[in-house]
Amino acid sequence: MPLTVQYDSPGRDDRSNRSLNREWVELTNTTRHAVNLDGWTFEDEDGHTYTFEDYRLAGRATVRIHTGEGRDTRTDLYQDRRNYVWDNRSDTASLRNDRGRLIDEDSWGHDRHHNGDNRH
């Protein structure tokens, strides 16, 4: 189940709900069968975690999980946060199933020679 992250919200990072909702994670179910995501999580390197509750992703469907506030629909879910989650310079989004098994991750901005660790 591929994971895509829009980590740098277009425009000014002014923490408005509109700007927060332009930061998102997208999951696509590439199979023909629905997947029950109840208890699945995704998180960043700082431990900010979102847990799916009572959500089934239809076969060949995509759901976008926005950082800000909003009303959940079949195609858009909201974390209801008032601060950005994803670091614009470097971060990793990890998707895990309800048993904690890593399903997919998306990383950006890391120095390959330091194995993803930017600290010296």
PDB file of N, CA and C in Angstrom:
ATOM      1  N   MET A   1       0.858  -1.169   0.000  1.00  0.00           N
ATOM      2  CA  MET A   1       0.000   0.000   0.000  1.00  0.00           C
ATOM      3  C   MET A   1       0.905   1.233   0.000  1.00  0.00           C
ATOM      4  N   PRO A   2       1.126   1.829  -1.171  1.00  0.00           N
ATOM      5  CA  PRO A   2       2.046   2.971  -1.288  1.00  0.00           C
ATOM      6  C   PRO A   2       1.596   4.188  -0.474  1.00  0.00           C
ATOM      7  N   LEU A   3       2.587   4.845   0.096  1.00  0.00           N
ATOM      8  CA  LEU A   3       2.414   6.017   0.953  1.00  0.00           C
ATOM      9  C   LEU A   3       3.098   7.204   0.277  1.00  0.00           C
ATOM     10  N   THR A   4       2.394   8.315   0.122  1.00  0.00           N
ATOM     11  CA  THR A   4       2.947   9.532  -0.459  1.00  0.00           C
ATOM     12  C   THR A   4       2.705  10.670   0.515  1.00  0.00           C
ATOM     13  N   VAL A   5       3.696  11.565   0.687  1.00  0.00           N
ATOM     14  CA  VAL A   5       3.562  12.662   1.645  1.00  0.00           C
ATOM     15  C   VAL A   5       3.744  14.004   0.949  1.00  0.00           C
ATOM     16  N   GLN A   6       2.785  14.911   1.164  1.00  0.00           N
ATOM     17  CA  GLN A   6       2.939  16.321   0.785  1.00  0.00           C
ATOM     18  C   GLN A   6       3.387  17.015   2.070  1.00  0.00           C
ATOM     19  N   TYR A   7       4.709  17.065   2.285  1.00  0.00           N
ATOM     20  CA  TYR A   7       5.245  17.549   3.555  1.00  0.00           C
ATOM     21  C   TYR A   7       5.437  19.058   3.605  1.00  0.00           C
ATOM     22  N   ASP A   8       5.548  19.707   2.455  1.00  0.00           N
ATOM     23  CA  ASP A   8       5.743  21.158   2.427  1.00  0.00           C
ATOM     24  C   ASP A   8       4.484  21.800   1.874  1.00  0.00           C
ATOM     25  N   SER A   9       3.651  22.262   2.772  1.00  0.00           N
ATOM     26  CA  SER A   9       2.392  22.893   2.407  1.00  0.00           C
ATOM     27  C   SER A   9       2.643  24.071   1.470  1.00  0.00           C
ATOM     28  N   PRO A  10       1.972  24.119   0.294  1.00  0.00           N
ATOM     29  CA  PRO A  10       2.169  25.241  -0.628  1.00  0.00           C
ATOM     30  C   PRO A  10       1.822  26.577   0.032  1.00  0.00           C
ATOM     31  N   GLY A  11       2.575  27.615  -0.313  1.00  0.00           N
ATOM     32  CA  GLY A  11       2.325  28.938   0.255  1.00  0.00           C
ATOM     33  C   GLY A  11       3.058  29.126   1.579  1.00  0.00           C
ATOM     34  N   ARG A  12       2.664  30.168   2.300  1.00  0.00           N
ATOM     35  CA  ARG A  12       3.290  30.478   3.589  1.00  0.00           C
ATOM     36  C   ARG A  12       2.863  29.485   4.655  1.00  0.00           C
ATOM     37  N   ASP A  13       3.806  29.067   5.497  1.00  0.00           N
ATOM     38  CA  ASP A  13       3.495  28.206   6.639  1.00  0.00           C
ATOM     39  C   ASP A  13       3.005  29.091   7.780  1.00  0.00           C
ATOM     40  N   ASP A  14       1.728  29.447   7.749  1.00  0.00           N
ATOM     41  CA  ASP A  14       1.182  30.370   8.752  1.00  0.00           C
ATOM     42  C   ASP A  14       0.303  29.651   9.786  1.00  0.00           C
ATOM     43  N   ARG A  15       0.317  28.331   9.762  1.00  0.00           N
ATOM     44  CA  ARG A  15      -0.448  27.497  10.694  1.00  0.00           C
ATOM     45  C   ARG A  15      -1.958  27.714  10.625  1.00  0.00           C
ATOM     46  N   SER A  16      -2.425  28.310   9.532  1.00  0.00           N
ATOM     47  CA  SER A  16      -3.873  28.416   9.339  1.00  0.00           C
ATOM     48  C   SER A  16      -4.394  27.013   9.019  1.00  0.00           C
ATOM     49  N   ASN A  17      -5.667  26.773   9.265  1.00  0.00           N
ATOM     50  CA  ASN A  17      -6.233  25.459   8.979  1.00  0.00           C
ATOM     51  C   ASN A  17      -6.082  25.122   7.496  1.00  0.00           C
ATOM     52  N   ARG A  18      -6.246  26.122   6.644  1.00  0.00           N
ATOM     53  CA  ARG A  18      -6.089  25.906   5.202  1.00  0.00           C
ATOM     54  C   ARG A  18      -4.673  25.422   4.874  1.00  0.00           C
ATOM     55  N   SER A  19      -3.670  26.067   5.458  1.00  0.00           N
ATOM     56  CA  SER A  19      -2.281  25.671   5.235  1.00  0.00           C
ATOM     57  C   SER A  19      -2.002  24.291   5.835  1.00  0.00           C
ATOM     58  N   LEU A  20      -2.501  24.041   7.040  1.00  0.00           N
ATOM     59  CA  LEU A  20      -2.300  22.737   7.677  1.00  0.00           C
ATOM     60  C   LEU A  20      -2.908  21.613   6.835  1.00  0.00           C
ATOM     61  N   ASN A  21      -4.040  21.863   6.211  1.00  0.00           N
ATOM     62  CA  ASN A  21      -4.697  20.831   5.412  1.00  0.00           C
ATOM     63  C   ASN A  21      -4.059  20.623   4.045  1.00  0.00           C
ATOM     64  N   ARG A  22      -3.141  21.529   3.681  1.00  0.00           N
ATOM     65  CA  ARG A  22      -2.372  21.326   2.447  1.00  0.00           C
ATOM     66  C   ARG A  22      -1.140  20.469   2.708  1.00  0.00           C
ATOM     67  N   GLU A  23      -0.946  20.080   3.960  1.00  0.00           N
ATOM     68  CA  GLU A  23       0.068  19.095   4.333  1.00  0.00           C
ATOM     69  C   GLU A  23      -0.704  17.794   4.545  1.00  0.00           C
ATOM     70  N   TRP A  24      -0.323  16.727   3.833  1.00  0.00           N
ATOM     71  CA  TRP A  24      -1.103  15.501   3.913  1.00  0.00           C
ATOM     72  C   TRP A  24      -0.280  14.265   3.598  1.00  0.00           C
ATOM     73  N   VAL A  25      -0.871  13.132   3.948  1.00  0.00           N
ATOM     74  CA  VAL A  25      -0.341  11.816   3.600  1.00  0.00           C
ATOM     75  C   VAL A  25      -1.417  11.136   2.763  1.00  0.00           C
ATOM     76  N   GLU A  26      -0.999  10.455   1.712  1.00  0.00           N
ATOM     77  CA  GLU A  26      -1.949   9.769   0.850  1.00  0.00           C
ATOM     78  C   GLU A  26      -1.606   8.285   0.813  1.00  0.00           C
ATOM     79  N   LEU A  27      -2.641   7.463   0.990  1.00  0.00           N
ATOM     80  CA  LEU A  27      -2.494   6.008   0.894  1.00  0.00           C
ATOM     81  C   LEU A  27      -3.323   5.514  -0.274  1.00  0.00           C
ATOM     82  N   THR A  28      -2.760   4.614  -1.057  1.00  0.00           N
ATOM     83  CA  THR A  28      -3.491   4.041  -2.178  1.00  0.00           C
ATOM     84  C   THR A  28      -3.517   2.522  -2.029  1.00  0.00           C
ATOM     85  N   ASN A  29      -4.712   1.981  -2.099  1.00  0.00           N
ATOM     86  CA  ASN A  29      -4.892   0.537  -2.084  1.00  0.00           C
ATOM     87  C   ASN A  29      -4.814   0.069  -3.535  1.00  0.00           C
ATOM     88  N   THR A  30      -3.727  -0.587  -3.883  1.00  0.00           N
ATOM     89  CA  THR A  30      -3.510  -1.004  -5.274  1.00  0.00           C
ATOM     90  C   THR A  30      -4.164  -2.345  -5.590  1.00  0.00           C
ATOM     91  N   THR A  31      -4.754  -2.990  -4.587  1.00  0.00           N
ATOM     92  CA  THR A  31      -5.415  -4.271  -4.821  1.00  0.00           C
ATOM     93  C   THR A  31      -6.889  -4.050  -5.167  1.00  0.00           C
ATOM     94  N   ARG A  32      -7.565  -5.134  -5.578  1.00  0.00           N
ATOM     95  CA  ARG A  32      -8.996  -5.047  -5.877  1.00  0.00           C
ATOM     96  C   ARG A  32      -9.846  -5.197  -4.628  1.00  0.00           C
ATOM     97  N   HIS A  33      -9.232  -5.606  -3.528  1.00  0.00           N
ATOM     98  CA  HIS A  33      -9.980  -5.901  -2.304  1.00  0.00           C
ATOM     99  C   HIS A  33      -9.862  -4.782  -1.273  1.00  0.00           C
ATOM    100  N   ALA A  34     -10.943  -4.510  -0.557  1.00  0.00           N
ATOM    101  CA  ALA A  34     -10.932  -3.508   0.513  1.00  0.00           C
ATOM    102  C   ALA A  34      -9.994  -3.959   1.632  1.00  0.00           C
ATOM    103  N   VAL A  35      -9.383  -2.984   2.304  1.00  0.00           N
ATOM    104  CA  VAL A  35      -8.486  -3.263   3.415  1.00  0.00           C
ATOM    105  C   VAL A  35      -9.032  -2.551   4.651  1.00  0.00           C
ATOM    106  N   ASN A  36      -9.176  -3.291   5.753  1.00  0.00           N
ATOM    107  CA  ASN A  36      -9.607  -2.708   7.015  1.00  0.00           C
ATOM    108  C   ASN A  36      -8.382  -2.083   7.683  1.00  0.00           C
ATOM    109  N   LEU A  37      -8.355  -0.749   7.778  1.00  0.00           N
ATOM    110  CA  LEU A  37      -7.211  -0.036   8.339  1.00  0.00           C
ATOM    111  C   LEU A  37      -7.368   0.247   9.840  1.00  0.00           C
ATOM    112  N   ASP A  38      -8.403  -0.286  10.460  1.00  0.00           N
ATOM    113  CA  ASP A  38      -8.639  -0.054  11.878  1.00  0.00           C
ATOM    114  C   ASP A  38      -7.397  -0.455  12.686  1.00  0.00           C
ATOM    115  N   GLY A  39      -6.841   0.479  13.447  1.00  0.00           N
ATOM    116  CA  GLY A  39      -5.662   0.214  14.259  1.00  0.00           C
ATOM    117  C   GLY A  39      -4.338   0.436  13.543  1.00  0.00           C
ATOM    118  N   TRP A  40      -4.363   0.682  12.231  1.00  0.00           N
ATOM    119  CA  TRP A  40      -3.137   0.998  11.504  1.00  0.00           C
ATOM    120  C   TRP A  40      -2.675   2.397  11.902  1.00  0.00           C
ATOM    121  N   THR A  41      -1.372   2.662  11.788  1.00  0.00           N
ATOM    122  CA  THR A  41      -0.829   3.964  12.162  1.00  0.00           C
ATOM    123  C   THR A  41       0.154   4.457  11.109  1.00  0.00           C
ATOM    124  N   PHE A  42       0.345   5.766  11.088  1.00  0.00           N
ATOM    125  CA  PHE A  42       1.520   6.310  10.435  1.00  0.00           C
ATOM    126  C   PHE A  42       2.090   7.341  11.388  1.00  0.00           C
ATOM    127  N   GLU A  43       3.420   7.473  11.342  1.00  0.00           N
ATOM    128  CA  GLU A  43       4.080   8.411  12.240  1.00  0.00           C
ATOM    129  C   GLU A  43       5.312   9.001  11.595  1.00  0.00           C
ATOM    130  N   ASP A  44       5.755  10.140  12.168  1.00  0.00           N
ATOM    131  CA  ASP A  44       6.969  10.788  11.689  1.00  0.00           C
ATOM    132  C   ASP A  44       8.128  10.407  12.603  1.00  0.00           C
ATOM    133  N   GLU A  45       9.321  10.947  12.316  1.00  0.00           N
ATOM    134  CA  GLU A  45      10.508  10.622  13.100  1.00  0.00           C
ATOM    135  C   GLU A  45      10.424  11.126  14.540  1.00  0.00           C
ATOM    136  N   ASP A  46       9.602  12.141  14.797  1.00  0.00           N
ATOM    137  CA  ASP A  46       9.458  12.684  16.152  1.00  0.00           C
ATOM    138  C   ASP A  46       8.385  11.967  16.962  1.00  0.00           C
ATOM    139  N   GLY A  47       7.748  10.955  16.364  1.00  0.00           N
ATOM    140  CA  GLY A  47       6.758  10.183  17.100  1.00  0.00           C
ATOM    141  C   GLY A  47       5.333  10.696  17.028  1.00  0.00           C
ATOM    142  N   HIS A  48       5.078  11.725  16.193  1.00  0.00           N
ATOM    143  CA  HIS A  48       3.690  12.157  15.979  1.00  0.00           C
ATOM    144  C   HIS A  48       2.965  11.020  15.272  1.00  0.00           C
ATOM    145  N   THR A  49       1.899  10.516  15.867  1.00  0.00           N
ATOM    146  CA  THR A  49       1.232   9.329  15.348  1.00  0.00           C
ATOM    147  C   THR A  49      -0.231   9.598  15.042  1.00  0.00           C
ATOM    148  N   TYR A  50      -0.687   9.057  13.933  1.00  0.00           N
ATOM    149  CA  TYR A  50      -2.110   9.075  13.580  1.00  0.00           C
ATOM    150  C   TYR A  50      -2.564   7.622  13.530  1.00  0.00           C
ATOM    151  N   THR A  51      -3.692   7.321  14.192  1.00  0.00           N
ATOM    152  CA  THR A  51      -4.229   5.961  14.203  1.00  0.00           C
ATOM    153  C   THR A  51      -5.578   5.944  13.502  1.00  0.00           C
ATOM    154  N   PHE A  52      -5.730   5.042  12.555  1.00  0.00           N
ATOM    155  CA  PHE A  52      -7.001   4.878  11.858  1.00  0.00           C
ATOM    156  C   PHE A  52      -8.009   4.213  12.785  1.00  0.00           C
ATOM    157  N   GLU A  53      -9.236   4.718  12.770  1.00  0.00           N
ATOM    158  CA  GLU A  53     -10.308   4.137  13.572  1.00  0.00           C
ATOM    159  C   GLU A  53     -11.506   3.859  12.672  1.00  0.00           C
ATOM    160  N   ASP A  54     -11.968   2.618  12.657  1.00  0.00           N
ATOM    161  CA  ASP A  54     -13.162   2.234  11.898  1.00  0.00           C
ATOM    162  C   ASP A  54     -13.128   2.738  10.460  1.00  0.00           C
ATOM    163  N   TYR A  55     -12.036   2.436   9.753  1.00  0.00           N
ATOM    164  CA  TYR A  55     -11.923   2.899   8.376  1.00  0.00           C
ATOM    165  C   TYR A  55     -11.526   1.739   7.464  1.00  0.00           C
ATOM    166  N   ARG A  56     -12.295   1.572   6.384  1.00  0.00           N
ATOM    167  CA  ARG A  56     -11.984   0.588   5.344  1.00  0.00           C
ATOM    168  C   ARG A  56     -11.663   1.344   4.067  1.00  0.00           C
ATOM    169  N   LEU A  57     -10.532   0.998   3.472  1.00  0.00           N
ATOM    170  CA  LEU A  57     -10.135   1.600   2.205  1.00  0.00           C
ATOM    171  C   LEU A  57     -10.514   0.631   1.089  1.00  0.00           C
ATOM    172  N   ALA A  58     -11.406   1.097   0.224  1.00  0.00           N
ATOM    173  CA  ALA A  58     -11.898   0.259  -0.872  1.00  0.00           C
ATOM    174  C   ALA A  58     -10.761  -0.134  -1.808  1.00  0.00           C
ATOM    175  N   GLY A  59     -10.973  -1.191  -2.571  1.00  0.00           N
ATOM    176  CA  GLY A  59      -9.995  -1.616  -3.559  1.00  0.00           C
ATOM    177  C   GLY A  59      -9.782  -0.543  -4.614  1.00  0.00           C
ATOM    178  N   ARG A  60      -8.521  -0.373  -5.014  1.00  0.00           N
ATOM    179  CA  ARG A  60      -8.124   0.622  -6.015  1.00  0.00           C
ATOM    180  C   ARG A  60      -8.586   2.038  -5.653  1.00  0.00           C
ATOM    181  N   ALA A  61      -8.587   2.336  -4.362  1.00  0.00           N
ATOM    182  CA  ALA A  61      -9.010   3.658  -3.886  1.00  0.00           C
ATOM    183  C   ALA A  61      -7.856   4.348  -3.149  1.00  0.00           C
ATOM    184  N   THR A  62      -7.980   5.656  -3.005  1.00  0.00           N
ATOM    185  CA  THR A  62      -6.973   6.473  -2.320  1.00  0.00           C
ATOM    186  C   THR A  62      -7.649   7.287  -1.244  1.00  0.00           C
ATOM    187  N   VAL A  63      -6.983   7.427  -0.108  1.00  0.00           N
ATOM    188  CA  VAL A  63      -7.451   8.302   0.962  1.00  0.00           C
ATOM    189  C   VAL A  63      -6.330   9.290   1.282  1.00  0.00           C
ATOM    190  N   ARG A  64      -6.711  10.539   1.531  1.00  0.00           N
ATOM    191  CA  ARG A  64      -5.762  11.591   1.878  1.00  0.00           C
ATOM    192  C   ARG A  64      -6.019  11.981   3.330  1.00  0.00           C
ATOM    193  N   ILE A  65      -4.974  11.929   4.162  1.00  0.00           N
ATOM    194  CA  ILE A  65      -5.091  12.276   5.578  1.00  0.00           C
ATOM    195  C   ILE A  65      -4.414  13.629   5.780  1.00  0.00           C
ATOM    196  N   HIS A  66      -5.230  14.644   6.037  1.00  0.00           N
ATOM    197  CA  HIS A  66      -4.763  16.021   6.199  1.00  0.00           C
ATOM    198  C   HIS A  66      -4.319  16.261   7.639  1.00  0.00           C
ATOM    199  N   THR A  67      -3.391  17.183   7.835  1.00  0.00           N
ATOM    200  CA  THR A  67      -2.888  17.494   9.168  1.00  0.00           C
ATOM    201  C   THR A  67      -3.896  18.289   9.990  1.00  0.00           C
ATOM    202  N   GLY A  68      -4.597  19.239   9.366  1.00  0.00           N
ATOM    203  CA  GLY A  68      -5.488  20.145  10.086  1.00  0.00           C
ATOM    204  C   GLY A  68      -6.840  19.550  10.445  1.00  0.00           C
ATOM    205  N   GLU A  69      -7.780  20.444  10.673  1.00  0.00           N
ATOM    206  CA  GLU A  69      -9.126  20.055  11.099  1.00  0.00           C
ATOM    207  C   GLU A  69     -10.076  19.998   9.915  1.00  0.00           C
ATOM    208  N   GLY A  70     -11.058  19.113  10.013  1.00  0.00           N
ATOM    209  CA  GLY A  70     -12.055  18.983   8.969  1.00  0.00           C
ATOM    210  C   GLY A  70     -13.009  17.847   9.283  1.00  0.00           C
ATOM    211  N   ARG A  71     -13.948  17.621   8.382  1.00  0.00           N
ATOM    212  CA  ARG A  71     -14.926  16.549   8.550  1.00  0.00           C
ATOM    213  C   ARG A  71     -14.511  15.360   7.708  1.00  0.00           C
ATOM    214  N   ASP A  72     -14.324  14.207   8.353  1.00  0.00           N
ATOM    215  CA  ASP A  72     -13.883  13.003   7.654  1.00  0.00           C
ATOM    216  C   ASP A  72     -14.907  12.569   6.604  1.00  0.00           C
ATOM    217  N   THR A  73     -14.392  12.151   5.448  1.00  0.00           N
ATOM    218  CA  THR A  73     -15.210  11.571   4.391  1.00  0.00           C
ATOM    219  C   THR A  73     -14.545  10.264   3.962  1.00  0.00           C
ATOM    220  N   ARG A  74     -15.080   9.634   2.955  1.00  0.00           N
ATOM    221  CA  ARG A  74     -14.513   8.384   2.458  1.00  0.00           C
ATOM    222  C   ARG A  74     -13.124   8.604   1.845  1.00  0.00           C
ATOM    223  N   THR A  75     -12.895   9.795   1.272  1.00  0.00           N
ATOM    224  CA  THR A  75     -11.642  10.063   0.564  1.00  0.00           C
ATOM    225  C   THR A  75     -10.697  11.019   1.296  1.00  0.00           C
ATOM    226  N   ASP A  76     -11.185  11.678   2.348  1.00  0.00           N
ATOM    227  CA  ASP A  76     -10.362  12.633   3.092  1.00  0.00           C
ATOM    228  C   ASP A  76     -10.583  12.453   4.591  1.00  0.00           C
ATOM    229  N   LEU A  77      -9.475  12.264   5.317  1.00  0.00           N
ATOM    230  CA  LEU A  77      -9.520  12.169   6.771  1.00  0.00           C
ATOM    231  C   LEU A  77      -8.688  13.307   7.346  1.00  0.00           C
ATOM    232  N   TYR A  78      -8.952  13.677   8.589  1.00  0.00           N
ATOM    233  CA  TYR A  78      -8.286  14.820   9.209  1.00  0.00           C
ATOM    234  C   TYR A  78      -7.716  14.433  10.569  1.00  0.00           C
ATOM    235  N   GLN A  79      -6.461  14.877  10.823  1.00  0.00           N
ATOM    236  CA  GLN A  79      -5.816  14.597  12.102  1.00  0.00           C
ATOM    237  C   GLN A  79      -6.262  15.570  13.194  1.00  0.00           C
ATOM    238  N   ASP A  80      -6.875  16.679  12.801  1.00  0.00           N
ATOM    239  CA  ASP A  80      -7.348  17.701  13.749  1.00  0.00           C
ATOM    240  C   ASP A  80      -6.213  18.281  14.593  1.00  0.00           C
ATOM    241  N   ARG A  81      -5.069  18.522  13.950  1.00  0.00           N
ATOM    242  CA  ARG A  81      -3.921  19.126  14.634  1.00  0.00           C
ATOM    243  C   ARG A  81      -3.882  20.629  14.362  1.00  0.00           C
ATOM    244  N   ARG A  82      -3.213  21.343  15.237  1.00  0.00           N
ATOM    245  CA  ARG A  82      -3.051  22.792  15.061  1.00  0.00           C
ATOM    246  C   ARG A  82      -1.604  23.164  14.758  1.00  0.00           C
ATOM    247  N   ASN A  83      -0.755  22.164  14.581  1.00  0.00           N
ATOM    248  CA  ASN A  83       0.653  22.368  14.229  1.00  0.00           C
ATOM    249  C   ASN A  83       1.022  21.398  13.118  1.00  0.00           C
ATOM    250  N   TYR A  84       2.035  21.781  12.329  1.00  0.00           N
ATOM    251  CA  TYR A  84       2.519  20.914  11.261  1.00  0.00           C
ATOM    252  C   TYR A  84       3.149  19.656  11.853  1.00  0.00           C
ATOM    253  N   VAL A  85       3.095  18.570  11.108  1.00  0.00           N
ATOM    254  CA  VAL A  85       3.692  17.308  11.538  1.00  0.00           C
ATOM    255  C   VAL A  85       5.009  17.062  10.815  1.00  0.00           C
ATOM    256  N   TRP A  86       5.006  17.217   9.505  1.00  0.00           N
ATOM    257  CA  TRP A  86       6.140  16.797   8.687  1.00  0.00           C
ATOM    258  C   TRP A  86       7.175  17.901   8.556  1.00  0.00           C
ATOM    259  N   ASP A  87       8.434  17.564   8.796  1.00  0.00           N
ATOM    260  CA  ASP A  87       9.557  18.496   8.683  1.00  0.00           C
ATOM    261  C   ASP A  87       9.827  18.733   7.195  1.00  0.00           C
ATOM    262  N   ASN A  88       9.899  19.993   6.795  1.00  0.00           N
ATOM    263  CA  ASN A  88      10.119  20.315   5.385  1.00  0.00           C
ATOM    264  C   ASN A  88      11.506  19.918   4.891  1.00  0.00           C
ATOM    265  N   ARG A  89      12.502  19.898   5.786  1.00  0.00           N
ATOM    266  CA  ARG A  89      13.875  19.595   5.370  1.00  0.00           C
ATOM    267  C   ARG A  89      14.133  18.098   5.269  1.00  0.00           C
ATOM    268  N   SER A  90      13.742  17.341   6.279  1.00  0.00           N
ATOM    269  CA  SER A  90      13.958  15.891   6.244  1.00  0.00           C
ATOM    270  C   SER A  90      13.068  15.222   7.276  1.00  0.00           C
ATOM    271  N   ASP A  91      12.507  14.084   6.904  1.00  0.00           N
ATOM    272  CA  ASP A  91      11.632  13.335   7.802  1.00  0.00           C
ATOM    273  C   ASP A  91      11.345  11.992   7.143  1.00  0.00           C
ATOM    274  N   THR A  92      10.682  11.135   7.868  1.00  0.00           N
ATOM    275  CA  THR A  92      10.229   9.846   7.346  1.00  0.00           C
ATOM    276  C   THR A  92       8.825   9.590   7.843  1.00  0.00           C
ATOM    277  N   ALA A  93       7.934   9.223   6.934  1.00  0.00           N
ATOM    278  CA  ALA A  93       6.577   8.819   7.301  1.00  0.00           C
ATOM    279  C   ALA A  93       6.537   7.294   7.214  1.00  0.00           C
ATOM    280  N   SER A  94       6.151   6.656   8.325  1.00  0.00           N
ATOM    281  CA  SER A  94       6.104   5.194   8.378  1.00  0.00           C
ATOM    282  C   SER A  94       4.675   4.729   8.574  1.00  0.00           C
ATOM    283  N   LEU A  95       4.230   3.815   7.724  1.00  0.00           N
ATOM    284  CA  LEU A  95       2.906   3.210   7.830  1.00  0.00           C
ATOM    285  C   LEU A  95       3.048   1.811   8.405  1.00  0.00           C
ATOM    286  N   ARG A  96       2.294   1.534   9.495  1.00  0.00           N
ATOM    287  CA  ARG A  96       2.336   0.214  10.125  1.00  0.00           C
ATOM    288  C   ARG A  96       0.927  -0.347  10.247  1.00  0.00           C
ATOM    289  N   ASN A  97       0.829  -1.673  10.114  1.00  0.00           N
ATOM    290  CA  ASN A  97      -0.486  -2.294  10.256  1.00  0.00           C
ATOM    291  C   ASN A  97      -0.842  -2.435  11.738  1.00  0.00           C
ATOM    292  N   ASP A  98      -1.987  -3.035  12.022  1.00  0.00           N
ATOM    293  CA  ASP A  98      -2.469  -3.117  13.397  1.00  0.00           C
ATOM    294  C   ASP A  98      -1.626  -4.043  14.268  1.00  0.00           C
ATOM    295  N   ARG A  99      -0.662  -4.734  13.678  1.00  0.00           N
ATOM    296  CA  ARG A  99       0.261  -5.580  14.456  1.00  0.00           C
ATOM    297  C   ARG A  99       1.633  -4.922  14.591  1.00  0.00           C
ATOM    298  N   GLY A 100       1.762  -3.682  14.093  1.00  0.00           N
ATOM    299  CA  GLY A 100       3.019  -2.958  14.194  1.00  0.00           C
ATOM    300  C   GLY A 100       4.019  -3.258  13.096  1.00  0.00           C
ATOM    301  N   ARG A 101       3.621  -4.058  12.104  1.00  0.00           N
ATOM    302  CA  ARG A 101       4.512  -4.400  10.992  1.00  0.00           C
ATOM    303  C   ARG A 101       4.612  -3.246  10.010  1.00  0.00           C
ATOM    304  N   LEU A 102       5.836  -2.876   9.623  1.00  0.00           N
ATOM    305  CA  LEU A 102       6.062  -1.801   8.659  1.00  0.00           C
ATOM    306  C   LEU A 102       5.515  -2.208   7.300  1.00  0.00           C
ATOM    307  N   ILE A 103       4.610  -1.392   6.757  1.00  0.00           N
ATOM    308  CA  ILE A 103       3.999  -1.654   5.457  1.00  0.00           C
ATOM    309  C   ILE A 103       4.689  -0.842   4.369  1.00  0.00           C
ATOM    310  N   ASP A 104       4.936   0.441   4.639  1.00  0.00           N
ATOM    311  CA  ASP A 104       5.616   1.309   3.679  1.00  0.00           C
ATOM    312  C   ASP A 104       6.145   2.519   4.423  1.00  0.00           C
ATOM    313  N   GLU A 105       7.122   3.193   3.811  1.00  0.00           N
ATOM    314  CA  GLU A 105       7.589   4.464   4.359  1.00  0.00           C
ATOM    315  C   GLU A 105       8.043   5.361   3.227  1.00  0.00           C
ATOM    316  N   ASP A 106       8.006   6.646   3.499  1.00  0.00           N
ATOM    317  CA  ASP A 106       8.420   7.660   2.536  1.00  0.00           C
ATOM    318  C   ASP A 106       9.362   8.602   3.270  1.00  0.00           C
ATOM    319  N   SER A 107      10.589   8.756   2.759  1.00  0.00           N
ATOM    320  CA  SER A 107      11.593   9.632   3.381  1.00  0.00           C
ATOM    321  C   SER A 107      12.021  10.704   2.398  1.00  0.00           C
ATOM    322  N   TRP A 108      12.454  11.833   2.954  1.00  0.00           N
ATOM    323  CA  TRP A 108      12.949  12.910   2.111  1.00  0.00           C
ATOM    324  C   TRP A 108      14.028  13.685   2.860  1.00  0.00           C
ATOM    325  N   GLY A 109      14.959  14.265   2.085  1.00  0.00           N
ATOM    326  CA  GLY A 109      15.945  15.193   2.615  1.00  0.00           C
ATOM    327  C   GLY A 109      17.068  14.593   3.423  1.00  0.00           C
ATOM    328  N   HIS A 110      17.203  13.283   3.500  1.00  0.00           N
ATOM    329  CA  HIS A 110      18.261  12.685   4.303  1.00  0.00           C
ATOM    330  C   HIS A 110      19.548  12.554   3.500  1.00  0.00           C
ATOM    331  N   ASP A 111      20.672  12.677   4.182  1.00  0.00           N
ATOM    332  CA  ASP A 111      21.981  12.490   3.579  1.00  0.00           C
ATOM    333  C   ASP A 111      22.253  10.990   3.502  1.00  0.00           C
ATOM    334  N   ARG A 112      22.351  10.465   2.304  1.00  0.00           N
ATOM    335  CA  ARG A 112      22.519   9.009   2.118  1.00  0.00           C
ATOM    336  C   ARG A 112      23.771   8.461   2.793  1.00  0.00           C
ATOM    337  N   HIS A 113      24.808   9.297   2.931  1.00  0.00           N
ATOM    338  CA  HIS A 113      26.067   8.821   3.510  1.00  0.00           C
ATOM    339  C   HIS A 113      25.998   8.689   5.025  1.00  0.00           C
ATOM    340  N   HIS A 114      24.963   9.237   5.629  1.00  0.00           N
ATOM    341  CA  HIS A 114      24.803   9.143   7.081  1.00  0.00           C
ATOM    342  C   HIS A 114      23.636   8.250   7.461  1.00  0.00           C
ATOM    343  N   ASN A 115      23.182   7.402   6.527  1.00  0.00           N
ATOM    344  CA  ASN A 115      22.084   6.463   6.786  1.00  0.00           C
ATOM    345  C   ASN A 115      20.848   7.139   7.354  1.00  0.00           C
ATOM    346  N   GLY A 116      20.539   8.336   6.860  1.00  0.00           N
ATOM    347  CA  GLY A 116      19.333   9.017   7.284  1.00  0.00           C
ATOM    348  C   GLY A 116      19.475   9.800   8.568  1.00  0.00           C
ATOM    349  N   ASP A 117      20.642   9.803   9.179  1.00  0.00           N
ATOM    350  CA  ASP A 117      20.838  10.519  10.446  1.00  0.00           C
ATOM    351  C   ASP A 117      21.584  11.820  10.160  1.00  0.00           C
ATOM    352  N   ASN A 118      20.907  12.939  10.336  1.00  0.00           N
ATOM    353  CA  ASN A 118      21.524  14.241  10.045  1.00  0.00           C
ATOM    354  C   ASN A 118      22.314  14.804  11.214  1.00  0.00           C
ATOM    355  N   ARG A 119      22.280  14.149  12.367  1.00  0.00           N
ATOM    356  CA  ARG A 119      22.989  14.655  13.544  1.00  0.00           C
ATOM    357  C   ARG A 119      24.470  14.314  13.451  1.00  0.00           C
ATOM    358  N   HIS A 120      25.299  15.169  14.020  1.00  0.00           N
ATOM    359  CA  HIS A 120      26.760  14.933  13.987  1.00  0.00           C
ATOM    360  C   HIS A 120      27.265  14.688  15.384  1.00  0.00           C
TER     361      HIS A 120
END
